[in-house]
Amino acid sequence: MAFLLDTNAWIVYLKTVQSPIRSRLEKLTPADVLLCSVVKPELLHGAQKYANRERRLGILAETFAPFSSLPFDDPAG
């Protein structure tokens, strides 16, 4: 079974070393975790808003690297 985390879950993963989300993801293979093409830009936008922009963007790039990203192609209306 694959897991698709929302933006808030990724923020907890990134900010909280002892989080249950991090513990769970560390037990899974990268194939078991999916990113969403909507969540990625939300996290990137957040990283650009605060201090240490380059460091934060680097952390996100490293975090995203092993996971596949699902495209957003749901037609509106």
Protein backbone atom coordinates (compact mmCIF):
# COMPACT_ATOMS: atom_id res chain seq x y z
CA MET A 1 0.00 0.00 0.00
CA ALA A 2 1.34 3.44 -0.95
CA PHE A 3 1.06 6.52 1.24
CA LEU A 4 0.27 9.97 -0.15
CA LEU A 5 1.00 12.62 2.47
CA ASP A 6 -0.55 16.08 2.46
CA THR A 7 1.40 19.29 3.01
CA ASN A 8 0.82 19.35 6.77
CA ALA A 9 2.11 15.80 7.18
CA TRP A 10 5.29 16.67 5.26
CA ILE A 11 5.81 19.76 7.43
CA VAL A 12 5.59 17.60 10.56
CA TYR A 13 8.01 15.14 8.96
CA LEU A 14 10.48 17.90 8.16
CA LYS A 15 10.25 19.79 11.46
CA THR A 16 9.85 17.05 14.06
CA VAL A 17 12.60 14.45 14.32
CA GLN A 18 10.63 12.33 16.80
CA SER A 19 7.31 12.46 14.91
CA PRO A 20 5.25 9.33 14.30
CA ILE A 21 5.16 10.31 10.63
CA ARG A 22 8.94 10.21 10.37
CA SER A 23 9.07 6.90 12.23
CA ARG A 24 6.52 5.38 9.87
CA LEU A 25 8.18 6.66 6.69
CA GLU A 26 11.58 5.36 7.78
CA LYS A 27 10.11 1.84 7.85
CA LEU A 28 8.85 2.12 4.25
CA THR A 29 10.63 1.92 0.93
CA PRO A 30 10.54 4.98 -1.36
CA ALA A 31 8.13 3.08 -3.62
CA ASP A 32 5.63 3.05 -0.73
CA VAL A 33 5.54 6.86 -0.46
CA LEU A 34 4.17 9.18 -3.13
CA LEU A 35 4.38 12.92 -3.53
CA CYS A 36 1.68 15.03 -5.08
CA SER A 37 2.44 17.71 -7.66
CA VAL A 38 0.24 20.08 -5.63
CA VAL A 39 2.03 19.45 -2.33
CA LYS A 40 5.54 19.98 -3.72
CA PRO A 41 5.00 23.62 -4.77
CA GLU A 42 3.27 24.36 -1.47
CA LEU A 43 6.35 23.17 0.41
CA LEU A 44 8.69 24.99 -1.96
CA HIS A 45 6.71 28.20 -1.51
CA GLY A 46 6.95 27.85 2.26
CA ALA A 47 10.71 27.29 2.05
CA GLN A 48 11.15 30.49 0.05
CA LYS A 49 9.26 32.63 2.57
CA TYR A 50 11.62 32.16 5.51
CA ALA A 51 15.28 32.61 6.43
CA ASN A 52 17.89 30.17 5.15
CA ARG A 53 16.04 29.86 1.85
CA GLU A 54 18.80 27.93 0.04
CA ARG A 55 19.26 25.49 2.92
CA ARG A 56 15.52 24.86 3.13
CA LEU A 57 15.24 24.33 -0.63
CA GLY A 58 18.17 21.90 -0.46
CA ILE A 59 16.47 19.93 2.31
CA LEU A 60 13.31 19.69 0.23
CA ALA A 61 15.21 18.58 -2.87
CA GLU A 62 16.92 15.87 -0.83
CA THR A 63 13.61 14.84 0.74
CA PHE A 64 11.79 14.68 -2.61
CA ALA A 65 14.53 12.81 -4.49
CA PRO A 66 13.68 9.19 -3.64
CA PHE A 67 9.91 9.53 -4.10
CA SER A 68 7.72 9.47 -7.20
CA SER A 69 5.43 12.41 -7.77
CA LEU A 70 1.86 12.02 -8.97
CA PRO A 71 0.72 14.55 -11.57
CA PHE A 72 -2.30 16.73 -10.97
CA ASP A 73 -4.55 16.28 -13.97
CA ASP A 74 -8.04 16.48 -12.51
CA PRO A 75 -10.07 18.69 -14.87
CA ALA A 76 -11.86 21.55 -13.13
CA GLY A 77 -15.54 21.67 -13.90
